[in-house]
């Protein structure tokens, strides 16, 4: 099987499994846009979610929340806008 066929099969499988899920991608830092694009490709209803959205209760409208990131220092800077209250909301939601 070629790499291209594998990717097509993979996308088709994910689309059937993920179709219609409400997917948030954390966007208060980092680069969420390629994650949003893949989520859309796979049939979800993706939306960027910022720290202020979480504070306002947006997690109640999501099925999945993706935190794109890298190393510890990068994640620390990315998550800092959440603060204690936002991090607590995410933990309770999970």
Protein backbone atom coordinates (compact mmCIF):
# COMPACT_ATOMS: atom_id res chain seq x y z
CA UNK A 1 0.00 0.00 0.00
CA UNK A 2 1.38 3.40 -0.93
CA UNK A 3 1.83 6.17 1.63
CA UNK A 4 -0.84 8.19 -0.13
CA UNK A 5 -3.34 5.32 -0.02
CA UNK A 6 -2.56 4.74 3.66
CA UNK A 7 -3.28 8.41 4.39
CA UNK A 8 -6.55 8.32 2.43
CA UNK A 9 -7.68 5.17 4.24
CA UNK A 10 -6.66 6.67 7.58
CA UNK A 11 -8.63 9.89 6.91
CA UNK A 12 -11.69 7.92 5.82
CA UNK A 13 -11.57 5.79 8.98
CA UNK A 14 -11.19 8.83 11.22
CA UNK A 15 -13.95 10.69 9.41
CA UNK A 16 -16.41 7.89 10.05
CA UNK A 17 -15.42 7.69 13.74
CA UNK A 18 -15.20 11.42 14.47
CA UNK A 19 -17.96 12.79 12.26
CA UNK A 20 -19.89 15.54 14.03
CA UNK A 21 -17.84 15.70 17.23
CA UNK A 22 -17.46 19.18 18.70
CA UNK A 23 -13.68 19.59 18.91
CA UNK A 24 -12.01 22.52 20.63
CA UNK A 25 -8.34 23.28 20.06
CA UNK A 26 -6.70 25.38 22.75
CA UNK A 27 -5.61 28.63 21.12
CA UNK A 28 -4.17 30.85 23.88
CA UNK A 29 -0.68 30.26 22.61
CA UNK A 30 1.11 28.00 20.22
CA UNK A 31 -0.13 27.20 16.74
CA UNK A 32 -3.60 25.62 16.81
CA UNK A 33 -4.43 26.08 13.14
CA UNK A 34 -3.04 22.86 11.70
CA UNK A 35 -4.84 20.93 14.44
CA UNK A 36 -8.08 22.74 13.54
CA UNK A 37 -7.54 21.96 9.85
CA UNK A 38 -7.01 18.25 10.52
CA UNK A 39 -10.05 18.12 12.78
CA UNK A 40 -12.12 19.67 9.98
CA UNK A 41 -10.64 17.24 7.43
CA UNK A 42 -11.72 14.36 9.67
CA UNK A 43 -15.33 15.49 9.82
CA UNK A 44 -15.48 17.22 13.19
CA UNK A 45 -16.88 20.64 14.04
CA UNK A 46 -13.63 22.31 15.15
CA UNK A 47 -13.28 25.63 16.95
CA UNK A 48 -10.44 27.53 18.57
CA UNK A 49 -10.86 27.79 22.35
CA UNK A 50 -9.03 30.46 24.32
CA UNK A 51 -8.48 30.76 28.06
CA UNK A 52 -11.26 33.35 28.29
CA UNK A 53 -13.64 30.96 26.48
CA UNK A 54 -12.90 28.27 29.06
CA UNK A 55 -13.51 30.76 31.87
CA UNK A 56 -16.87 31.57 30.24
CA UNK A 57 -17.94 27.89 30.27
CA UNK A 58 -17.30 26.86 26.66
CA UNK A 59 -16.16 23.37 27.69
CA UNK A 60 -19.80 22.41 28.20
CA UNK A 61 -20.26 22.57 24.41
CA UNK A 62 -17.32 20.31 23.50
CA UNK A 63 -16.79 16.59 23.09
CA UNK A 64 -12.99 16.87 22.80
CA UNK A 65 -10.37 19.44 23.77
CA UNK A 66 -6.93 19.32 22.15
CA UNK A 67 -3.94 21.04 23.72
CA UNK A 68 -1.28 21.27 21.01
CA UNK A 69 2.16 21.76 22.41
CA UNK A 70 5.76 20.89 22.77
CA UNK A 71 8.21 20.82 25.61
CA UNK A 72 7.59 21.73 29.24
CA UNK A 73 8.62 25.39 28.91
CA UNK A 74 6.46 25.85 25.83
CA UNK A 75 3.45 24.30 27.57
CA UNK A 76 3.98 26.41 30.69
CA UNK A 77 3.77 29.60 28.64
CA UNK A 78 0.79 28.32 26.71
CA UNK A 79 -1.20 27.29 29.76
CA UNK A 80 -0.36 30.32 31.87
CA UNK A 81 -3.36 32.33 30.57
CA UNK A 82 -5.67 29.67 32.04
CA UNK A 83 -4.58 30.43 35.57
CA UNK A 84 -5.70 28.29 38.49
CA UNK A 85 -9.40 28.75 37.76
CA UNK A 86 -9.14 27.80 34.09
CA UNK A 87 -6.90 24.81 34.80
CA UNK A 88 -9.38 23.66 37.44
CA UNK A 89 -12.25 23.95 34.95
CA UNK A 90 -10.35 21.82 32.42
CA UNK A 91 -9.50 19.22 35.08
CA UNK A 92 -13.13 19.00 36.22
CA UNK A 93 -14.32 18.73 32.62
CA UNK A 94 -11.94 15.87 31.91
